[in-house]
Structure formats: C-alpha cells, structure tokens
Amino acid sequence: MGQFLGRSQPMSDTNLKAKAGQYLTFQLMNEQYGVAIETVREINQYGEVTPVPKTPNYVKGVMNLRGKIIPVVNLRIKFGMGAQDISRDTCIIVIDTHIGQVGMIVDAVREVVDLQDSQIEPPPVLGNEKTMSFVRGMGKLDNKVVILVDVVAAFNMEQLNDMKEFSSSDSKAA
C-alpha cells in the first residue's frame, strides 16, 4: 500500500522561487527532480490505472485511492519526454492541489533531501519562460543538480479543470 506522509499543503503558488526546506526527489529518464515535501500526500507503487476516453495524452487515467477517484498524470509525457515502460521502480506520487488530489507517475522515487538557501539557484532562462514557469529552482546536492518543480504550475487552468471533471475527490463516493 502507499506510504503516507502526513499533512500536506496544496501545491501551486504561482511565481514562487524554490525555498529552503525538504524535497522529495524523483527520477524521470536520467534526471532528478524535486517537489516540496509539504505538497506530497503519499507515495504508492504503480498499481491499476483505469484509462478515461478522450483525455489528453499525458493523462494516464484515474485510480481508486481508498474510495476516492483521482486523476493520474504521466509526468514524462507532460514534460515532453518519451513514454517509458512500467518497471518495479515506477511510482505514483499523490499530491494535494486546489482541485483535489492528483497522482503523478514517475520512473522512481529517490529520497527526501534537505536543501538550504545556499544550495538553491534560480532556474536558468531556457526557451519560453512561460512554458518553463513550473521550474522553481535548481538544487545543488553533492555533484548533482535537482530540478525543483511545482508540478501543478505545469498545467493551465483549463487542463486542471478537465482533470477535476473525472475526479471524485470533491464529490461523495457512492
């Protein structure tokens, strides 16, 4: 079953630079990403995800999380990477958002790291600043770079509302 991480805060305050604190690190392809730990509800091994017709290609479907139906997003596809086969390391990170809980498929969950202000640089200006606005900073950890992201900021309001439509996180379960 999932690893419960306790109380979480909704993700996505726009225009915020990454702050010092704890980050859950995860892997997509060969890169390390980090998400603020207070936005994470729990981590689950990849399980059954039910496809929903006529959804965007990055929406894998929905999953039943203890009686709640939540949307599940493939972060690789949303971030413009190729799809990957599911492996034993594949996980679904469940985050709290203002539309309810959302599951994010990642290649692997690594660890929780504690980053100080001195270890966080602003995101570099690469390409279209608006499309990269979900990158909140770059964490320096030993010889590695951890890309610090606000995953919800990668979606526009229409995309979030579409996901909310096939979620039961706000409605009563039958």
N, C-alpha and C. Protein backbone atom coordinates (compact mmCIF):
# COMPACT_ATOMS: atom_id res chain seq x y z
N MET A 1 0.84 -1.18 0.00
CA MET A 1 0.00 0.00 0.00
C MET A 1 0.88 1.24 0.00
N GLY A 2 0.30 2.39 0.04
CA GLY A 2 1.06 3.63 -0.08
C GLY A 2 1.76 4.02 1.19
N GLN A 3 2.78 4.82 1.03
CA GLN A 3 3.48 5.38 2.16
C GLN A 3 2.84 6.72 2.46
N PHE A 4 2.24 6.88 3.63
CA PHE A 4 1.53 8.09 3.98
C PHE A 4 2.52 9.08 4.58
N LEU A 5 2.51 10.30 4.09
CA LEU A 5 3.49 11.28 4.55
C LEU A 5 2.91 12.34 5.46
N GLY A 6 1.66 12.16 5.88
CA GLY A 6 1.09 13.11 6.83
C GLY A 6 0.41 14.28 6.18
N ARG A 7 0.31 15.37 6.91
CA ARG A 7 -0.41 16.55 6.45
C ARG A 7 0.30 17.19 5.27
N SER A 8 -0.45 17.52 4.26
CA SER A 8 0.18 18.16 3.11
C SER A 8 -0.53 19.45 2.77
N GLN A 9 0.17 20.30 2.05
CA GLN A 9 -0.35 21.59 1.64
C GLN A 9 -0.61 21.57 0.15
N PRO A 10 -1.68 22.24 -0.32
CA PRO A 10 -1.92 22.28 -1.75
C PRO A 10 -0.73 22.88 -2.49
N MET A 11 -0.49 22.32 -3.66
CA MET A 11 0.63 22.77 -4.47
C MET A 11 0.18 23.86 -5.42
N SER A 12 1.08 24.69 -5.81
CA SER A 12 0.98 25.70 -6.86
C SER A 12 0.63 27.08 -6.36
N ASP A 13 1.61 27.76 -5.88
CA ASP A 13 1.56 29.19 -5.68
C ASP A 13 2.39 29.76 -6.81
N THR A 14 1.76 30.47 -7.71
CA THR A 14 2.46 30.92 -8.90
C THR A 14 3.54 31.94 -8.56
N ASN A 15 4.56 31.98 -9.41
CA ASN A 15 5.66 32.92 -9.33
C ASN A 15 6.48 32.82 -8.04
N LEU A 16 6.60 31.65 -7.50
CA LEU A 16 7.42 31.48 -6.31
C LEU A 16 8.72 30.78 -6.67
N LYS A 17 9.81 31.31 -6.12
CA LYS A 17 11.11 30.65 -6.27
C LYS A 17 11.17 29.55 -5.21
N ALA A 18 11.89 28.51 -5.52
CA ALA A 18 12.05 27.41 -4.56
C ALA A 18 12.65 27.95 -3.27
N LYS A 19 12.15 27.47 -2.15
CA LYS A 19 12.62 27.89 -0.84
C LYS A 19 13.40 26.76 -0.18
N ALA A 20 14.19 27.14 0.79
CA ALA A 20 14.91 26.14 1.57
C ALA A 20 13.89 25.23 2.24
N GLY A 21 14.24 23.96 2.35
CA GLY A 21 13.35 23.02 3.00
C GLY A 21 13.56 21.62 2.48
N GLN A 22 12.60 20.76 2.78
CA GLN A 22 12.71 19.37 2.38
C GLN A 22 11.99 19.14 1.05
N TYR A 23 12.64 18.33 0.19
CA TYR A 23 12.11 18.00 -1.12
C TYR A 23 12.14 16.48 -1.31
N LEU A 24 11.05 15.97 -1.85
CA LEU A 24 11.01 14.57 -2.26
C LEU A 24 11.62 14.53 -3.66
N THR A 25 12.68 13.75 -3.83
CA THR A 25 13.31 13.67 -5.15
C THR A 25 12.82 12.43 -5.87
N PHE A 26 12.66 12.59 -7.19
CA PHE A 26 12.21 11.50 -8.03
C PHE A 26 12.93 11.59 -9.36
N GLN A 27 12.86 10.50 -10.11
CA GLN A 27 13.59 10.41 -11.36
C GLN A 27 12.63 10.33 -12.54
N LEU A 28 12.95 11.08 -13.59
CA LEU A 28 12.32 10.97 -14.89
C LEU A 28 13.47 10.86 -15.88
N MET A 29 13.50 9.79 -16.65
CA MET A 29 14.63 9.46 -17.51
C MET A 29 15.88 9.43 -16.63
N ASN A 30 16.90 10.19 -16.96
CA ASN A 30 18.12 10.18 -16.15
C ASN A 30 18.25 11.41 -15.27
N GLU A 31 17.20 12.19 -15.17
CA GLU A 31 17.26 13.45 -14.41
C GLU A 31 16.55 13.32 -13.07
N GLN A 32 17.09 14.06 -12.09
CA GLN A 32 16.49 14.11 -10.76
C GLN A 32 15.64 15.37 -10.64
N TYR A 33 14.44 15.20 -10.13
CA TYR A 33 13.52 16.31 -9.88
C TYR A 33 13.19 16.32 -8.40
N GLY A 34 12.76 17.47 -7.90
CA GLY A 34 12.36 17.56 -6.51
C GLY A 34 11.06 18.34 -6.39
N VAL A 35 10.21 17.88 -5.51
CA VAL A 35 8.94 18.55 -5.23
C VAL A 35 8.89 18.80 -3.72
N ALA A 36 8.39 19.98 -3.33
CA ALA A 36 8.33 20.33 -1.90
C ALA A 36 7.56 19.25 -1.14
N ILE A 37 8.15 18.76 -0.08
CA ILE A 37 7.58 17.63 0.66
C ILE A 37 6.20 17.97 1.23
N GLU A 38 5.95 19.24 1.55
CA GLU A 38 4.65 19.58 2.15
C GLU A 38 3.49 19.46 1.16
N THR A 39 3.78 19.33 -0.12
CA THR A 39 2.72 19.15 -1.11
C THR A 39 2.39 17.69 -1.36
N VAL A 40 3.22 16.79 -0.84
CA VAL A 40 3.07 15.36 -1.10
C VAL A 40 2.17 14.73 -0.05
N ARG A 41 1.13 14.04 -0.55
CA ARG A 41 0.22 13.33 0.35
C ARG A 41 0.76 11.92 0.66
N GLU A 42 1.16 11.20 -0.40
CA GLU A 42 1.68 9.85 -0.21
C GLU A 42 2.37 9.36 -1.47
N ILE A 43 3.04 8.25 -1.34
CA ILE A 43 3.74 7.60 -2.45
C ILE A 43 3.21 6.18 -2.55
N ASN A 44 2.83 5.78 -3.77
CA ASN A 44 2.32 4.43 -3.99
C ASN A 44 3.11 3.74 -5.08
N GLN A 45 3.25 2.42 -4.97
CA GLN A 45 3.77 1.66 -6.09
C GLN A 45 2.76 1.79 -7.21
N TYR A 46 3.25 1.66 -8.45
CA TYR A 46 2.34 1.75 -9.58
C TYR A 46 1.34 0.62 -9.48
N GLY A 47 0.07 0.96 -9.57
CA GLY A 47 -0.99 -0.03 -9.50
C GLY A 47 -1.94 0.15 -10.67
N GLU A 48 -3.14 -0.31 -10.50
CA GLU A 48 -4.12 -0.26 -11.58
C GLU A 48 -4.57 1.18 -11.83
N VAL A 49 -4.42 1.61 -13.07
CA VAL A 49 -4.89 2.92 -13.52
C VAL A 49 -5.88 2.66 -14.64
N THR A 50 -7.09 3.18 -14.50
CA THR A 50 -8.14 2.96 -15.48
C THR A 50 -8.13 4.09 -16.50
N PRO A 51 -7.93 3.77 -17.78
CA PRO A 51 -7.94 4.81 -18.81
C PRO A 51 -9.32 5.47 -18.92
N VAL A 52 -9.32 6.77 -19.22
CA VAL A 52 -10.56 7.51 -19.42
C VAL A 52 -10.54 8.02 -20.87
N PRO A 53 -11.58 7.69 -21.65
CA PRO A 53 -11.58 8.11 -23.05
C PRO A 53 -11.56 9.63 -23.22
N LYS A 54 -10.99 10.06 -24.32
CA LYS A 54 -10.97 11.46 -24.74
C LYS A 54 -10.29 12.38 -23.74
N THR A 55 -9.26 11.88 -23.06
CA THR A 55 -8.47 12.72 -22.17
C THR A 55 -7.17 13.06 -22.88
N PRO A 56 -6.49 14.12 -22.46
CA PRO A 56 -5.20 14.46 -23.08
C PRO A 56 -4.21 13.30 -22.95
N ASN A 57 -3.21 13.26 -23.84
CA ASN A 57 -2.27 12.14 -23.86
C ASN A 57 -1.47 11.99 -22.58
N TYR A 58 -1.27 13.06 -21.82
CA TYR A 58 -0.49 12.98 -20.58
C TYR A 58 -1.31 12.44 -19.41
N VAL A 59 -2.63 12.37 -19.56
CA VAL A 59 -3.48 11.80 -18.50
C VAL A 59 -3.56 10.30 -18.73
N LYS A 60 -2.97 9.54 -17.82
CA LYS A 60 -2.96 8.08 -17.94
C LYS A 60 -4.33 7.50 -17.64
N GLY A 61 -5.08 8.17 -16.77
CA GLY A 61 -6.41 7.71 -16.39
C GLY A 61 -6.72 8.12 -14.96
N VAL A 62 -7.47 7.25 -14.27
CA VAL A 62 -7.83 7.50 -12.88
C VAL A 62 -7.49 6.27 -12.05
N MET A 63 -7.34 6.51 -10.75
CA MET A 63 -7.12 5.39 -9.84
C MET A 63 -8.03 5.55 -8.63
N ASN A 64 -8.34 4.42 -8.01
CA ASN A 64 -9.15 4.42 -6.81
C ASN A 64 -8.21 4.44 -5.62
N LEU A 65 -8.21 5.55 -4.92
CA LEU A 65 -7.34 5.71 -3.76
C LEU A 65 -8.21 5.72 -2.51
N ARG A 66 -8.37 4.55 -1.91
CA ARG A 66 -9.20 4.39 -0.71
C ARG A 66 -10.58 5.02 -0.88
N GLY A 67 -11.23 4.70 -2.01
CA GLY A 67 -12.59 5.16 -2.24
C GLY A 67 -12.70 6.48 -2.98
N LYS A 68 -11.59 7.16 -3.19
CA LYS A 68 -11.58 8.41 -3.96
C LYS A 68 -11.05 8.12 -5.35
N ILE A 69 -11.71 8.65 -6.36
CA ILE A 69 -11.21 8.54 -7.72
C ILE A 69 -10.37 9.78 -8.00
N ILE A 70 -9.08 9.57 -8.32
CA ILE A 70 -8.20 10.70 -8.58
C ILE A 70 -7.55 10.56 -9.96
N PRO A 71 -7.34 11.69 -10.64
CA PRO A 71 -6.66 11.64 -11.93
C PRO A 71 -5.19 11.27 -11.75
N VAL A 72 -4.65 10.57 -12.76
CA VAL A 72 -3.25 10.17 -12.74
C VAL A 72 -2.59 10.68 -14.01
N VAL A 73 -1.50 11.43 -13.84
CA VAL A 73 -0.79 12.08 -14.93
C VAL A 73 0.56 11.42 -15.13
N ASN A 74 0.93 11.17 -16.39
CA ASN A 74 2.26 10.66 -16.70
C ASN A 74 3.17 11.88 -16.86
N LEU A 75 4.03 12.13 -15.87
CA LEU A 75 4.89 13.33 -15.90
C LEU A 75 5.86 13.32 -17.07
N ARG A 76 6.33 12.15 -17.47
CA ARG A 76 7.24 12.10 -18.63
C ARG A 76 6.58 12.73 -19.85
N ILE A 77 5.34 12.34 -20.12
CA ILE A 77 4.65 12.86 -21.30
C ILE A 77 4.33 14.34 -21.11
N LYS A 78 3.88 14.72 -19.93
CA LYS A 78 3.55 16.14 -19.67
C LYS A 78 4.79 17.02 -19.85
N PHE A 79 5.96 16.51 -19.47
CA PHE A 79 7.19 17.28 -19.58
C PHE A 79 7.85 17.14 -20.95
N GLY A 80 7.15 16.49 -21.90
CA GLY A 80 7.67 16.39 -23.26
C GLY A 80 8.71 15.31 -23.48
N MET A 81 8.75 14.32 -22.62
CA MET A 81 9.68 13.20 -22.76
C MET A 81 8.92 12.01 -23.36
N GLY A 82 9.64 11.03 -23.82
CA GLY A 82 9.00 9.83 -24.34
C GLY A 82 8.42 8.99 -23.22
N ALA A 83 7.41 8.19 -23.57
CA ALA A 83 6.81 7.28 -22.59
C ALA A 83 7.82 6.20 -22.22
N GLN A 84 7.63 5.61 -21.08
CA GLN A 84 8.52 4.57 -20.56
C GLN A 84 7.68 3.39 -20.12
N ASP A 85 8.21 2.20 -20.29
CA ASP A 85 7.52 1.03 -19.77
C ASP A 85 7.49 1.10 -18.24
N ILE A 86 6.44 0.54 -17.67
CA ILE A 86 6.31 0.48 -16.22
C ILE A 86 7.32 -0.55 -15.71
N SER A 87 8.06 -0.19 -14.65
CA SER A 87 9.02 -1.10 -14.05
C SER A 87 8.69 -1.26 -12.56
N ARG A 88 9.47 -2.07 -11.89
CA ARG A 88 9.23 -2.25 -10.46
C ARG A 88 9.53 -0.99 -9.66
N ASP A 89 10.29 -0.05 -10.24
CA ASP A 89 10.60 1.21 -9.57
C ASP A 89 9.57 2.30 -9.81
N THR A 90 8.68 2.09 -10.80
CA THR A 90 7.69 3.11 -11.14
C THR A 90 6.76 3.35 -9.95
N CYS A 91 6.54 4.62 -9.64
CA CYS A 91 5.69 5.00 -8.50
C CYS A 91 4.68 6.05 -8.92
N ILE A 92 3.66 6.19 -8.11
CA ILE A 92 2.70 7.28 -8.25
C ILE A 92 2.81 8.13 -7.00
N ILE A 93 3.22 9.38 -7.20
CA ILE A 93 3.28 10.35 -6.09
C ILE A 93 1.95 11.09 -6.08
N VAL A 94 1.25 11.05 -4.96
CA VAL A 94 -0.04 11.73 -4.83
C VAL A 94 0.20 13.07 -4.15
N ILE A 95 -0.24 14.14 -4.84
CA ILE A 95 -0.07 15.48 -4.30
C ILE A 95 -1.43 16.12 -4.08
N ASP A 96 -1.47 17.09 -3.18
CA ASP A 96 -2.67 17.88 -2.96
C ASP A 96 -2.60 19.12 -3.84
N THR A 97 -3.70 19.41 -4.52
CA THR A 97 -3.80 20.61 -5.35
C THR A 97 -5.11 21.31 -5.00
N HIS A 98 -5.33 22.47 -5.56
CA HIS A 98 -6.59 23.17 -5.30
C HIS A 98 -7.78 22.48 -5.97
N ILE A 99 -7.55 21.51 -6.87
CA ILE A 99 -8.66 20.75 -7.45
C ILE A 99 -8.85 19.40 -6.76
N GLY A 100 -8.05 19.13 -5.76
CA GLY A 100 -8.09 17.83 -5.08
C GLY A 100 -6.77 17.10 -5.29
N GLN A 101 -6.78 15.82 -5.00
CA GLN A 101 -5.55 15.03 -5.13
C GLN A 101 -5.33 14.63 -6.57
N VAL A 102 -4.04 14.59 -6.97
CA VAL A 102 -3.63 14.18 -8.31
C VAL A 102 -2.46 13.23 -8.16
N GLY A 103 -2.47 12.14 -8.93
CA GLY A 103 -1.36 11.20 -8.92
C GLY A 103 -0.41 11.52 -10.07
N MET A 104 0.89 11.42 -9.81
CA MET A 104 1.92 11.69 -10.82
C MET A 104 2.76 10.43 -10.98
N ILE A 105 2.80 9.88 -12.20
CA ILE A 105 3.63 8.71 -12.46
C ILE A 105 5.06 9.18 -12.68
N VAL A 106 5.99 8.60 -11.93
CA VAL A 106 7.41 8.91 -12.06
C VAL A 106 8.18 7.60 -12.21
N ASP A 107 9.37 7.68 -12.81
CA ASP A 107 10.17 6.48 -13.02
C ASP A 107 10.59 5.83 -11.71
N ALA A 108 10.95 6.66 -10.73
CA ALA A 108 11.37 6.15 -9.43
C ALA A 108 11.37 7.29 -8.42
N VAL A 109 11.10 6.96 -7.18
CA VAL A 109 11.25 7.91 -6.08
C VAL A 109 12.61 7.66 -5.47
N ARG A 110 13.36 8.71 -5.20
CA ARG A 110 14.71 8.56 -4.68
C ARG A 110 14.77 8.75 -3.17
N GLU A 111 14.68 9.99 -2.71
CA GLU A 111 14.86 10.25 -1.28
C GLU A 111 14.30 11.62 -0.94
N VAL A 112 14.23 11.89 0.35
CA VAL A 112 13.89 13.23 0.82
C VAL A 112 15.21 13.92 1.16
N VAL A 113 15.39 15.11 0.57
CA VAL A 113 16.62 15.87 0.82
C VAL A 113 16.27 17.19 1.48
N ASP A 114 17.18 17.69 2.27
CA ASP A 114 17.01 18.97 2.96
C ASP A 114 17.93 19.97 2.27
N LEU A 115 17.34 20.96 1.60
CA LEU A 115 18.14 21.95 0.89
C LEU A 115 18.11 23.29 1.61
N GLN A 116 19.28 23.89 1.75
CA GLN A 116 19.41 25.22 2.35
C GLN A 116 19.36 26.26 1.24
N ASP A 117 19.12 27.53 1.60
CA ASP A 117 19.09 28.61 0.60
C ASP A 117 20.35 28.63 -0.25
N SER A 118 21.50 28.37 0.36
CA SER A 118 22.77 28.40 -0.36
C SER A 118 22.89 27.29 -1.40
N GLN A 119 22.02 26.28 -1.31
CA GLN A 119 22.05 25.16 -2.25
C GLN A 119 21.02 25.32 -3.37
N ILE A 120 20.28 26.42 -3.38
CA ILE A 120 19.22 26.62 -4.37
C ILE A 120 19.54 27.83 -5.24
N GLU A 121 19.60 27.59 -6.53
CA GLU A 121 19.82 28.66 -7.51
C GLU A 121 18.51 28.91 -8.25
N PRO A 122 18.32 30.14 -8.75
CA PRO A 122 17.12 30.38 -9.56
C PRO A 122 17.18 29.55 -10.84
N PRO A 123 16.01 29.27 -11.43
CA PRO A 123 16.03 28.48 -12.66
C PRO A 123 16.70 29.26 -13.78
N PRO A 124 17.43 28.58 -14.64
CA PRO A 124 18.06 29.27 -15.77
C PRO A 124 17.00 29.70 -16.78
N VAL A 125 17.31 30.71 -17.54
CA VAL A 125 16.39 31.14 -18.60
C VAL A 125 16.68 30.28 -19.82
N LEU A 126 15.79 29.35 -20.08
CA LEU A 126 15.92 28.43 -21.20
C LEU A 126 14.61 28.43 -21.97
N GLY A 127 14.62 28.83 -23.20
CA GLY A 127 13.41 28.78 -24.02
C GLY A 127 12.34 29.71 -23.52
N ASN A 128 11.10 29.30 -23.71
CA ASN A 128 9.94 30.11 -23.36
C ASN A 128 9.75 30.11 -21.84
N GLU A 129 9.90 31.29 -21.26
CA GLU A 129 9.82 31.41 -19.80
C GLU A 129 8.46 30.97 -19.28
N LYS A 130 7.39 31.24 -20.03
CA LYS A 130 6.05 30.86 -19.59
C LYS A 130 5.88 29.34 -19.54
N THR A 131 6.40 28.62 -20.53
CA THR A 131 6.25 27.17 -20.53
C THR A 131 7.17 26.51 -19.50
N MET A 132 8.17 27.21 -19.03
CA MET A 132 9.09 26.67 -18.02
C MET A 132 8.79 27.21 -16.63
N SER A 133 7.65 27.89 -16.45
CA SER A 133 7.36 28.54 -15.17
C SER A 133 7.19 27.56 -14.02
N PHE A 134 6.97 26.29 -14.31
CA PHE A 134 6.83 25.30 -13.23
C PHE A 134 8.17 24.93 -12.61
N VAL A 135 9.29 25.28 -13.26
CA VAL A 135 10.61 25.05 -12.69
C VAL A 135 10.89 26.19 -11.72
N ARG A 136 10.99 25.86 -10.43
CA ARG A 136 11.13 26.88 -9.39
C ARG A 136 12.57 27.14 -8.98
N GLY A 137 13.47 26.23 -9.35
CA GLY A 137 14.86 26.44 -8.99
C GLY A 137 15.68 25.21 -9.29
N MET A 138 16.99 25.33 -9.03
CA MET A 138 17.92 24.24 -9.22
C MET A 138 18.61 23.98 -7.88
N GLY A 139 18.44 22.76 -7.39
CA GLY A 139 19.07 22.40 -6.13
C GLY A 139 20.42 21.78 -6.38
N LYS A 140 21.43 22.22 -5.63
CA LYS A 140 22.78 21.65 -5.75
C LYS A 140 22.97 20.67 -4.60
N LEU A 141 23.20 19.42 -4.97
CA LEU A 141 23.33 18.36 -3.98
C LEU A 141 24.53 17.52 -4.35
N ASP A 142 25.61 17.63 -3.59
CA ASP A 142 26.87 16.98 -3.91
C ASP A 142 27.26 17.38 -5.34
N ASN A 143 27.44 16.43 -6.23
CA ASN A 143 27.79 16.74 -7.61
C ASN A 143 26.58 16.71 -8.54
N LYS A 144 25.38 16.64 -7.98
CA LYS A 144 24.16 16.50 -8.76
C LYS A 144 23.38 17.81 -8.77
N VAL A 145 22.54 17.94 -9.79
CA VAL A 145 21.57 19.03 -9.85
C VAL A 145 20.19 18.40 -9.74
N VAL A 146 19.37 18.95 -8.86
CA VAL A 146 17.99 18.51 -8.71
C VAL A 146 17.11 19.65 -9.22
N ILE A 147 16.28 19.35 -10.22
CA ILE A 147 15.39 20.35 -10.79
C ILE A 147 14.17 20.45 -9.87
N LEU A 148 13.99 21.61 -9.24
CA LEU A 148 12.91 21.81 -8.28
C LEU A 148 11.68 22.32 -9.01
N VAL A 149 10.59 21.58 -8.90
CA VAL A 149 9.40 21.88 -9.69
C VAL A 149 8.15 22.04 -8.84
N ASP A 150 7.22 22.81 -9.37
CA ASP A 150 5.85 22.89 -8.88
C ASP A 150 5.04 22.25 -9.99
N VAL A 151 4.71 20.98 -9.84
CA VAL A 151 4.10 20.21 -10.92
C VAL A 151 2.78 20.82 -11.36
N VAL A 152 1.99 21.32 -10.43
CA VAL A 152 0.68 21.88 -10.79
C VAL A 152 0.84 23.08 -11.72
N ALA A 153 1.90 23.85 -11.55
CA ALA A 153 2.13 25.01 -12.40
C ALA A 153 2.42 24.63 -13.85
N ALA A 154 2.68 23.36 -14.12
CA ALA A 154 2.90 22.89 -15.49
C ALA A 154 1.58 22.77 -16.26
N PHE A 155 0.46 22.88 -15.55
CA PHE A 155 -0.86 22.77 -16.17
C PHE A 155 -1.54 24.14 -16.18
N ASN A 156 -2.26 24.43 -17.27
CA ASN A 156 -3.04 25.65 -17.26
C ASN A 156 -4.38 25.36 -16.58
N MET A 157 -5.16 26.40 -16.33
CA MET A 157 -6.40 26.25 -15.58
C MET A 157 -7.39 25.33 -16.30
N GLU A 158 -7.45 25.40 -17.62
CA GLU A 158 -8.36 24.54 -18.38
C GLU A 158 -7.98 23.07 -18.20
N GLN A 159 -6.68 22.78 -18.23
CA GLN A 159 -6.21 21.40 -18.05
C GLN A 159 -6.56 20.89 -16.65
N LEU A 160 -6.38 21.74 -15.64
CA LEU A 160 -6.72 21.35 -14.27
C LEU A 160 -8.22 21.10 -14.13
N ASN A 161 -9.02 21.97 -14.72
CA ASN A 161 -10.47 21.79 -14.64
C ASN A 161 -10.91 20.52 -15.35
N ASP A 162 -10.26 20.19 -16.48
CA ASP A 162 -10.57 18.94 -17.17
C ASP A 162 -10.30 17.75 -16.27
N MET A 163 -9.18 17.78 -15.55
CA MET A 163 -8.84 16.67 -14.65
C MET A 163 -9.84 16.59 -13.50
N LYS A 164 -10.28 17.75 -13.03
CA LYS A 164 -11.23 17.77 -11.92
C LYS A 164 -12.54 17.10 -12.30
N GLU A 165 -12.92 17.21 -13.57
CA GLU A 165 -14.19 16.65 -14.03
C GLU A 165 -14.26 15.14 -13.87
N PHE A 166 -13.16 14.43 -14.02
CA PHE A 166 -13.23 12.98 -13.86
C PHE A 166 -12.60 12.52 -12.55
N SER A 167 -12.60 13.40 -11.58
CA SER A 167 -12.10 13.09 -10.24
C SER A 167 -13.27 13.10 -9.28
N SER A 168 -13.25 12.24 -8.29
CA SER A 168 -14.30 12.26 -7.27
C SER A 168 -13.76 12.80 -5.97
N SER A 169 -12.61 13.47 -5.99
CA SER A 169 -12.05 13.92 -4.73
C SER A 169 -12.88 14.99 -4.06
N ASP A 170 -13.73 15.69 -4.83
CA ASP A 170 -14.61 16.69 -4.23
C ASP A 170 -16.03 16.15 -4.05
N SER A 171 -16.36 15.06 -4.72
CA SER A 171 -17.72 14.54 -4.65
C SER A 171 -17.80 13.37 -3.67
N LYS A 172 -19.01 13.03 -3.34
CA LYS A 172 -19.22 11.91 -2.42
C LYS A 172 -19.13 10.60 -3.20
N ALA A 173 -18.42 9.64 -2.63
CA ALA A 173 -18.34 8.32 -3.25
C ALA A 173 -19.65 7.58 -3.04
N ALA A 174 -20.05 6.81 -4.02
CA ALA A 174 -21.33 6.08 -3.93
C ALA A 174 -21.19 4.86 -3.06
